[in-house]
PDB file of N, CA and C in Angstrom:
ATOM      1  N   MET A   1      13.635 -10.038   5.689  1.00  0.00           N
ATOM      2  CA  MET A   1      12.243  -9.582   5.007  1.00  0.00           C
ATOM      3  C   MET A   1      12.157  -7.801   4.662  1.00  0.00           C
ATOM      4  N   GLN A   2      11.672  -8.147   3.508  1.00  0.00           N
ATOM      5  CA  GLN A   2      11.659  -6.898   2.606  1.00  0.00           C
ATOM      6  C   GLN A   2      10.793  -5.788   3.486  1.00  0.00           C
ATOM      7  N   ARG A   3      11.358  -4.440   3.174  1.00  0.00           N
ATOM      8  CA  ARG A   3      10.737  -3.102   3.487  1.00  0.00           C
ATOM      9  C   ARG A   3       9.901  -2.690   2.394  1.00  0.00           C
ATOM     10  N   TYR A   4       8.848  -2.054   2.607  1.00  0.00           N
ATOM     11  CA  TYR A   4       8.182  -1.109   1.571  1.00  0.00           C
ATOM     12  C   TYR A   4       8.097   0.067   2.222  1.00  0.00           C
ATOM     13  N   ARG A   5       8.257   1.423   1.504  1.00  0.00           N
ATOM     14  CA  ARG A   5       7.591   2.822   1.846  1.00  0.00           C
ATOM     15  C   ARG A   5       7.225   3.413   0.505  1.00  0.00           C
ATOM     16  N   ARG A   6       6.514   4.370   0.605  1.00  0.00           N
ATOM     17  CA  ARG A   6       6.009   5.421  -0.608  1.00  0.00           C
ATOM     18  C   ARG A   6       7.325   5.671  -1.845  1.00  0.00           C
ATOM     19  N   ASN A   7       6.912   5.713  -2.374  1.00  0.00           N
ATOM     20  CA  ASN A   7       7.663   6.068  -3.661  1.00  0.00           C
ATOM     21  C   ASN A   7       7.802   7.473  -3.276  1.00  0.00           C
ATOM     22  N   PRO A   8       9.416   8.334  -3.024  1.00  0.00           N
ATOM     23  CA  PRO A   8       9.315   9.402  -2.890  1.00  0.00           C
ATOM     24  C   PRO A   8       9.214  10.393  -4.170  1.00  0.00           C
ATOM     25  N   GLN A   9       9.165  10.166  -5.260  1.00  0.00           N
ATOM     26  CA  GLN A   9       8.635  10.603  -6.565  1.00  0.00           C
ATOM     27  C   GLN A   9       7.404  10.513  -6.325  1.00  0.00           C
ATOM     28  N   THR A  10       6.347   9.740  -6.066  1.00  0.00           N
ATOM     29  CA  THR A  10       4.788  10.084  -6.518  1.00  0.00           C
ATOM     30  C   THR A  10       4.119  11.406  -5.541  1.00  0.00           C
ATOM     31  N   ALA A  11       3.125  11.814  -6.045  1.00  0.00           N
ATOM     32  CA  ALA A  11       2.532  12.580  -5.344  1.00  0.00           C
ATOM     33  C   ALA A  11       0.837  12.238  -4.906  1.00  0.00           C
ATOM     34  N   GLY A  12       0.361  12.337  -4.034  1.00  0.00           N
ATOM     35  CA  GLY A  12      -0.636  11.524  -3.511  1.00  0.00           C
ATOM     36  C   GLY A  12      -1.461  12.295  -2.367  1.00  0.00           C
ATOM     37  N   ARG A  13      -2.647  11.756  -2.435  1.00  0.00           N
ATOM     38  CA  ARG A  13      -3.616  12.747  -1.253  1.00  0.00           C
ATOM     39  C   ARG A  13      -4.763  11.436  -0.984  1.00  0.00           C
ATOM     40  N   VAL A  14      -5.086  11.655   0.438  1.00  0.00           N
ATOM     41  CA  VAL A  14      -6.194  10.701   0.928  1.00  0.00           C
ATOM     42  C   VAL A  14      -7.265  11.573   0.864  1.00  0.00           C
ATOM     43  N   ILE A  15      -8.681  11.371   0.340  1.00  0.00           N
ATOM     44  CA  ILE A  15      -9.763  12.373   0.119  1.00  0.00           C
ATOM     45  C   ILE A  15     -10.812  11.381   0.697  1.00  0.00           C
ATOM     46  N   GLU A  16     -11.374  11.429   1.658  1.00  0.00           N
ATOM     47  CA  GLU A  16     -13.108  10.526   2.274  1.00  0.00           C
ATOM     48  C   GLU A  16     -12.396   9.116   2.181  1.00  0.00           C
ATOM     49  N   GLY A  17     -11.140   8.736   3.067  1.00  0.00           N
ATOM     50  CA  GLY A  17     -10.974   7.477   3.170  1.00  0.00           C
ATOM     51  C   GLY A  17     -10.042   6.896   1.511  1.00  0.00           C
ATOM     52  N   GLN A  18     -10.029   7.572   0.513  1.00  0.00           N
ATOM     53  CA  GLN A  18      -9.457   6.638  -0.409  1.00  0.00           C
ATOM     54  C   GLN A  18      -8.084   7.328  -1.082  1.00  0.00           C
ATOM     55  N   ALA A  19      -7.109   6.985  -1.096  1.00  0.00           N
ATOM     56  CA  ALA A  19      -6.030   7.672  -1.621  1.00  0.00           C
ATOM     57  C   ALA A  19      -5.964   7.657  -3.238  1.00  0.00           C
ATOM     58  N   PHE A  20      -5.714   9.215  -3.731  1.00  0.00           N
ATOM     59  CA  PHE A  20      -5.424   8.926  -5.012  1.00  0.00           C
ATOM     60  C   PHE A  20      -3.983   9.660  -5.210  1.00  0.00           C
ATOM     61  N   ILE A  21      -3.198   8.412  -6.007  1.00  0.00           N
ATOM     62  CA  ILE A  21      -1.675   8.839  -6.302  1.00  0.00           C
ATOM     63  C   ILE A  21      -1.301   8.733  -7.705  1.00  0.00           C
ATOM     64  N   VAL A  22      -0.439  10.046  -8.128  1.00  0.00           N
ATOM     65  CA  VAL A  22       0.127  10.555  -9.289  1.00  0.00           C
ATOM     66  C   VAL A  22       1.802   9.518  -9.366  1.00  0.00           C
ATOM     67  N   THR A  23       1.592   8.696 -10.489  1.00  0.00           N
ATOM     68  CA  THR A  23       3.062   8.566 -10.650  1.00  0.00           C
ATOM     69  C   THR A  23       3.601   8.944 -11.761  1.00  0.00           C
ATOM     70  N   PRO A  24       4.991   9.757 -11.341  1.00  0.00           N
ATOM     71  CA  PRO A  24       5.857  10.545 -12.369  1.00  0.00           C
ATOM     72  C   PRO A  24       5.949  10.103 -13.573  1.00  0.00           C
ATOM     73  N   ASP A  25       6.652   8.777 -13.976  1.00  0.00           N
ATOM     74  CA  ASP A  25       7.265   8.126 -15.207  1.00  0.00           C
ATOM     75  C   ASP A  25       5.991   8.112 -16.300  1.00  0.00           C
ATOM     76  N   ASP A  26       4.334   8.057 -15.945  1.00  0.00           N
ATOM     77  CA  ASP A  26       3.879   7.461 -16.594  1.00  0.00           C
ATOM     78  C   ASP A  26       2.702   8.786 -16.367  1.00  0.00           C
ATOM     79  N   ASN A  27       2.595   9.276 -15.278  1.00  0.00           N
ATOM     80  CA  ASN A  27       1.719  10.540 -15.083  1.00  0.00           C
ATOM     81  C   ASN A  27       0.516  10.088 -14.483  1.00  0.00           C
ATOM     82  N   LYS A  28       0.155   8.563 -14.841  1.00  0.00           N
ATOM     83  CA  LYS A  28      -1.241   8.344 -13.992  1.00  0.00           C
ATOM     84  C   LYS A  28      -1.706   8.276 -12.722  1.00  0.00           C
ATOM     85  N   LEU A  29      -3.006   8.513 -12.816  1.00  0.00           N
ATOM     86  CA  LEU A  29      -3.845   8.498 -11.934  1.00  0.00           C
ATOM     87  C   LEU A  29      -4.522   7.466 -11.148  1.00  0.00           C
ATOM     88  N   HIS A  30      -3.823   6.965  -9.942  1.00  0.00           N
ATOM     89  CA  HIS A  30      -4.144   5.358  -9.640  1.00  0.00           C
ATOM     90  C   HIS A  30      -4.948   5.786  -8.203  1.00  0.00           C
ATOM     91  N   THR A  31      -6.214   5.354  -8.559  1.00  0.00           N
ATOM     92  CA  THR A  31      -7.151   5.405  -7.485  1.00  0.00           C
ATOM     93  C   THR A  31      -7.106   3.882  -6.329  1.00  0.00           C
ATOM     94  N   LEU A  32      -6.992   4.369  -5.141  1.00  0.00           N
ATOM     95  CA  LEU A  32      -6.741   2.924  -4.468  1.00  0.00           C
ATOM     96  C   LEU A  32      -8.142   2.747  -3.292  1.00  0.00           C
ATOM     97  N   ASN A  33      -7.988   1.105  -3.002  1.00  0.00           N
ATOM     98  CA  ASN A  33      -8.962   1.178  -2.598  1.00  0.00           C
ATOM     99  C   ASN A  33      -9.052   1.200  -1.116  1.00  0.00           C
ATOM    100  N   GLY A  34      -9.998   0.709  -0.154  1.00  0.00           N
ATOM    101  CA  GLY A  34      -9.712   0.922   1.730  1.00  0.00           C
ATOM    102  C   GLY A  34      -8.226   0.546   1.836  1.00  0.00           C
ATOM    103  N   ALA A  35      -8.137  -0.997   1.533  1.00  0.00           N
ATOM    104  CA  ALA A  35      -7.369  -1.773   2.071  1.00  0.00           C
ATOM    105  C   ALA A  35      -5.800  -0.953   1.289  1.00  0.00           C
ATOM    106  N   ALA A  36      -5.849  -0.853   0.150  1.00  0.00           N
ATOM    107  CA  ALA A  36      -4.785  -0.683  -0.299  1.00  0.00           C
ATOM    108  C   ALA A  36      -4.349   0.852   0.100  1.00  0.00           C
ATOM    109  N   THR A  37      -5.087   1.785   0.106  1.00  0.00           N
ATOM    110  CA  THR A  37      -4.983   3.436   0.621  1.00  0.00           C
ATOM    111  C   THR A  37      -4.575   3.074   2.523  1.00  0.00           C
ATOM    112  N   GLN A  38      -5.061   2.199   3.235  1.00  0.00           N
ATOM    113  CA  GLN A  38      -4.246   2.386   4.400  1.00  0.00           C
ATOM    114  C   GLN A  38      -3.447   1.598   4.439  1.00  0.00           C
ATOM    115  N   LEU A  39      -2.823   0.480   3.409  1.00  0.00           N
ATOM    116  CA  LEU A  39      -1.105   0.126   3.596  1.00  0.00           C
ATOM    117  C   LEU A  39      -0.306   1.310   3.148  1.00  0.00           C
ATOM    118  N   TRP A  40      -0.850   2.416   1.923  1.00  0.00           N
ATOM    119  CA  TRP A  40      -0.327   3.191   1.848  1.00  0.00           C
ATOM    120  C   TRP A  40       0.463   4.394   2.773  1.00  0.00           C
ATOM    121  N   VAL A  41      -1.058   4.644   3.156  1.00  0.00           N
ATOM    122  CA  VAL A  41      -0.690   5.245   4.531  1.00  0.00           C
ATOM    123  C   VAL A  41       0.356   5.322   5.514  1.00  0.00           C
ATOM    124  N   LEU A  42       0.251   3.668   5.776  1.00  0.00           N
ATOM    125  CA  LEU A  42       0.978   3.058   6.405  1.00  0.00           C
ATOM    126  C   LEU A  42       2.387   3.067   6.103  1.00  0.00           C
ATOM    127  N   ALA A  43       2.786   3.313   4.669  1.00  0.00           N
ATOM    128  CA  ALA A  43       4.159   3.120   3.938  1.00  0.00           C
ATOM    129  C   ALA A  43       4.661   4.180   4.140  1.00  0.00           C
ATOM    130  N   ALA A  44       4.198   5.419   4.956  1.00  0.00           N
ATOM    131  CA  ALA A  44       4.925   6.486   4.946  1.00  0.00           C
ATOM    132  C   ALA A  44       6.234   6.466   5.914  1.00  0.00           C
ATOM    133  N   LYS A  45       5.749   5.341   6.795  1.00  0.00           N
ATOM    134  CA  LYS A  45       7.202   5.317   7.355  1.00  0.00           C
ATOM    135  C   LYS A  45       7.539   3.600   6.858  1.00  0.00           C
ATOM    136  N   GLU A  46       8.824   3.267   6.727  1.00  0.00           N
ATOM    137  CA  GLU A  46       8.642   1.871   6.333  1.00  0.00           C
ATOM    138  C   GLU A  46       7.919   0.959   6.827  1.00  0.00           C
ATOM    139  N   ILE A  47       7.289   0.158   6.262  1.00  0.00           N
ATOM    140  CA  ILE A  47       6.655  -1.689   6.622  1.00  0.00           C
ATOM    141  C   ILE A  47       6.897  -2.608   6.239  1.00  0.00           C
ATOM    142  N   THR A  48       6.986  -3.702   6.617  1.00  0.00           N
ATOM    143  CA  THR A  48       7.042  -4.903   6.059  1.00  0.00           C
ATOM    144  C   THR A  48       5.728  -5.553   5.660  1.00  0.00           C
ATOM    145  N   SER A  49       5.458  -6.946   5.210  1.00  0.00           N
ATOM    146  CA  SER A  49       4.529  -7.493   4.851  1.00  0.00           C
ATOM    147  C   SER A  49       3.813  -7.925   5.892  1.00  0.00           C
ATOM    148  N   GLU A  50       4.715  -8.501   7.014  1.00  0.00           N
ATOM    149  CA  GLU A  50       3.704  -8.485   8.112  1.00  0.00           C
ATOM    150  C   GLU A  50       3.171  -7.380   9.156  1.00  0.00           C
ATOM    151  N   ASP A  51       3.704  -6.256   8.903  1.00  0.00           N
ATOM    152  CA  ASP A  51       2.982  -4.860   9.136  1.00  0.00           C
ATOM    153  C   ASP A  51       1.616  -4.836   8.540  1.00  0.00           C
ATOM    154  N   ALA A  52       1.636  -5.540   7.498  1.00  0.00           N
ATOM    155  CA  ALA A  52       0.635  -5.276   6.446  1.00  0.00           C
ATOM    156  C   ALA A  52      -0.596  -6.256   7.033  1.00  0.00           C
ATOM    157  N   ALA A  53       0.219  -7.239   7.112  1.00  0.00           N
ATOM    158  CA  ALA A  53      -1.278  -7.968   7.484  1.00  0.00           C
ATOM    159  C   ALA A  53      -1.575  -8.247   8.538  1.00  0.00           C
ATOM    160  N   THR A  54      -1.058  -7.549   9.794  1.00  0.00           N
ATOM    161  CA  THR A  54      -1.667  -7.141  11.166  1.00  0.00           C
ATOM    162  C   THR A  54      -2.609  -6.515  10.612  1.00  0.00           C
ATOM    163  N   ALA A  55      -2.442  -4.885   9.908  1.00  0.00           N
ATOM    164  CA  ALA A  55      -2.718  -3.695   9.722  1.00  0.00           C
ATOM    165  C   ALA A  55      -4.281  -4.352   8.871  1.00  0.00           C
ATOM    166  N   LEU A  56      -4.688  -5.214   8.028  1.00  0.00           N
ATOM    167  CA  LEU A  56      -5.516  -5.848   7.312  1.00  0.00           C
ATOM    168  C   LEU A  56      -6.393  -6.511   8.359  1.00  0.00           C
ATOM    169  N   CYS A  57      -5.740  -7.419   9.279  1.00  0.00           N
ATOM    170  CA  CYS A  57      -6.541  -8.139  10.170  1.00  0.00           C
ATOM    171  C   CYS A  57      -7.361  -7.304  11.123  1.00  0.00           C
ATOM    172  N   GLU A  58      -6.970  -6.588  11.889  1.00  0.00           N
ATOM    173  CA  GLU A  58      -6.969  -5.382  12.515  1.00  0.00           C
ATOM    174  C   GLU A  58      -8.663  -4.963  12.272  1.00  0.00           C
ATOM    175  N   GLU A  59      -8.474  -4.604  10.983  1.00  0.00           N
ATOM    176  CA  GLU A  59      -9.468  -3.371  10.414  1.00  0.00           C
ATOM    177  C   GLU A  59     -10.156  -4.167   9.327  1.00  0.00           C
ATOM    178  N   TYR A  60     -10.311  -5.385   8.801  1.00  0.00           N
ATOM    179  CA  TYR A  60     -11.048  -6.166   8.194  1.00  0.00           C
ATOM    180  C   TYR A  60     -11.513  -7.415   8.715  1.00  0.00           C
ATOM    181  N   GLU A  61     -10.599  -7.727  10.076  1.00  0.00           N
ATOM    182  CA  GLU A  61     -11.567  -9.047  10.661  1.00  0.00           C
ATOM    183  C   GLU A  61     -11.556 -10.154   9.846  1.00  0.00           C
ATOM    184  N   ILE A  62     -10.362 -10.335   9.485  1.00  0.00           N
ATOM    185  CA  ILE A  62     -10.357 -11.591   8.717  1.00  0.00           C
ATOM    186  C   ILE A  62      -8.944 -12.278   8.905  1.00  0.00           C
ATOM    187  N   ASP A  63      -8.684 -13.794   8.478  1.00  0.00           N
ATOM    188  CA  ASP A  63      -8.069 -14.953   9.267  1.00  0.00           C
ATOM    189  C   ASP A  63      -6.323 -14.399   9.097  1.00  0.00           C
ATOM    190  N   ARG A  64      -5.357 -14.227   9.454  1.00  0.00           N
ATOM    191  CA  ARG A  64      -4.122 -14.481   9.258  1.00  0.00           C
ATOM    192  C   ARG A  64      -3.235 -14.699   8.039  1.00  0.00           C
ATOM    193  N   GLU A  65      -3.883 -16.183   7.539  1.00  0.00           N
ATOM    194  CA  GLU A  65      -3.383 -16.224   6.164  1.00  0.00           C
ATOM    195  C   GLU A  65      -3.562 -15.519   5.154  1.00  0.00           C
ATOM    196  N   THR A  66      -5.012 -15.146   5.214  1.00  0.00           N
ATOM    197  CA  THR A  66      -6.116 -14.241   4.070  1.00  0.00           C
ATOM    198  C   THR A  66      -5.494 -13.147   4.187  1.00  0.00           C
ATOM    199  N   ALA A  67      -4.962 -12.714   5.113  1.00  0.00           N
ATOM    200  CA  ALA A  67      -4.730 -11.072   5.617  1.00  0.00           C
ATOM    201  C   ALA A  67      -2.707 -11.110   4.768  1.00  0.00           C
ATOM    202  N   ALA A  68      -2.233 -12.208   5.030  1.00  0.00           N
ATOM    203  CA  ALA A  68      -0.816 -12.428   4.581  1.00  0.00           C
ATOM    204  C   ALA A  68      -0.767 -12.455   3.380  1.00  0.00           C
ATOM    205  N   ARG A  69      -1.535 -13.372   2.797  1.00  0.00           N
ATOM    206  CA  ARG A  69      -1.540 -13.194   0.990  1.00  0.00           C
ATOM    207  C   ARG A  69      -2.245 -11.874   0.390  1.00  0.00           C
ATOM    208  N   ASP A  70      -2.961 -11.161   0.815  1.00  0.00           N
ATOM    209  CA  ASP A  70      -3.701 -10.193   0.348  1.00  0.00           C
ATOM    210  C   ASP A  70      -2.905  -8.968   0.493  1.00  0.00           C
ATOM    211  N   ALA A  71      -2.174  -8.829   1.756  1.00  0.00           N
ATOM    212  CA  ALA A  71      -1.178  -7.793   2.088  1.00  0.00           C
ATOM    213  C   ALA A  71       0.316  -8.149   1.216  1.00  0.00           C
ATOM    214  N   THR A  72       0.705  -9.074   0.872  1.00  0.00           N
ATOM    215  CA  THR A  72       1.438  -9.073  -0.141  1.00  0.00           C
ATOM    216  C   THR A  72       1.170  -9.092  -1.177  1.00  0.00           C
ATOM    217  N   ALA A  73       0.125  -9.701  -1.965  1.00  0.00           N
ATOM    218  CA  ALA A  73      -0.442  -9.115  -3.216  1.00  0.00           C
ATOM    219  C   ALA A  73      -0.504  -7.555  -3.635  1.00  0.00           C
ATOM    220  N   CYS A  74      -1.076  -6.889  -2.543  1.00  0.00           N
ATOM    221  CA  CYS A  74      -1.383  -5.670  -2.487  1.00  0.00           C
ATOM    222  C   CYS A  74      -0.084  -4.609  -2.709  1.00  0.00           C
ATOM    223  N   LEU A  75       1.238  -5.133  -1.821  1.00  0.00           N
ATOM    224  CA  LEU A  75       2.514  -4.752  -1.760  1.00  0.00           C
ATOM    225  C   LEU A  75       2.695  -4.601  -3.211  1.00  0.00           C
ATOM    226  N   ASP A  76       3.172  -5.854  -3.703  1.00  0.00           N
ATOM    227  CA  ASP A  76       3.746  -6.335  -5.165  1.00  0.00           C
ATOM    228  C   ASP A  76       2.882  -5.625  -5.955  1.00  0.00           C
ATOM    229  N   ASP A  77       1.951  -5.554  -6.194  1.00  0.00           N
ATOM    230  CA  ASP A  77       0.982  -4.463  -7.105  1.00  0.00           C
ATOM    231  C   ASP A  77       1.460  -3.079  -6.793  1.00  0.00           C
ATOM    232  N   MET A  78       1.436  -2.528  -5.917  1.00  0.00           N
ATOM    233  CA  MET A  78       1.967  -1.438  -5.705  1.00  0.00           C
ATOM    234  C   MET A  78       3.331  -0.867  -6.325  1.00  0.00           C
ATOM    235  N   VAL A  79       4.201  -1.945  -5.725  1.00  0.00           N
ATOM    236  CA  VAL A  79       5.246  -1.586  -6.305  1.00  0.00           C
ATOM    237  C   VAL A  79       5.638  -2.080  -7.770  1.00  0.00           C
ATOM    238  N   ALA A  80       4.845  -2.722  -8.285  1.00  0.00           N
ATOM    239  CA  ALA A  80       4.797  -2.973  -9.987  1.00  0.00           C
ATOM    240  C   ALA A  80       4.324  -1.428 -10.463  1.00  0.00           C
ATOM    241  N   ARG A  81       3.327  -0.748 -10.016  1.00  0.00           N
ATOM    242  CA  ARG A  81       3.072   0.107 -10.622  1.00  0.00           C
ATOM    243  C   ARG A  81       3.541   1.677 -10.203  1.00  0.00           C
ATOM    244  N   GLN A  82       4.533   1.532  -9.437  1.00  0.00           N
ATOM    245  CA  GLN A  82       5.542   2.318  -8.898  1.00  0.00           C
ATOM    246  C   GLN A  82       4.997   3.195  -7.560  1.00  0.00           C
ATOM    247  N   ILE A  83       4.350   2.924  -6.907  1.00  0.00           N
ATOM    248  CA  ILE A  83       3.474   3.557  -5.931  1.00  0.00           C
ATOM    249  C   ILE A  83       4.332   3.449  -4.718  1.00  0.00           C
ATOM    250  N   LEU A  84       4.925   2.336  -4.389  1.00  0.00           N
ATOM    251  CA  LEU A  84       5.631   1.802  -3.366  1.00  0.00           C
ATOM    252  C   LEU A  84       7.031   1.528  -4.189  1.00  0.00           C
ATOM    253  N   VAL A  85       7.999   1.411  -3.264  1.00  0.00           N
ATOM    254  CA  VAL A  85       9.464   1.050  -3.821  1.00  0.00           C
ATOM    255  C   VAL A  85       9.696   0.039  -2.529  1.00  0.00           C
ATOM    256  N   VAL A  86      10.808  -0.511  -2.521  1.00  0.00           N
ATOM    257  CA  VAL A  86      11.142  -1.786  -1.836  1.00  0.00           C
ATOM    258  C   VAL A  86      12.388  -0.777  -1.055  1.00  0.00           C
ATOM    259  N   ALA A  87      12.303  -0.574  -0.075  1.00  0.00           N
ATOM    260  CA  ALA A  87      13.060   0.078   0.901  1.00  0.00           C
ATOM    261  C   ALA A  87      14.567  -1.099   1.168  1.00  0.00           C
TER     262      ALA A  87
END
């Protein structure tokens, strides 16, 4: 199972529950929604898609299948944008 962590080359901060991340290769500012912010915070330590799905289930009271699908999509998107890396 893949493990995800923050890209160590990014800079980011959470302000009032929303993460703002700057990626170094393109100097883009990425504003994350609540769910993505939660996963980015958890990725300070390595997480799996299972960890992410569990966190989304607990926070948003959604079913496991939906949480797993959403978590995987969110993690993959953050990897594509170089916010997270596969550990």
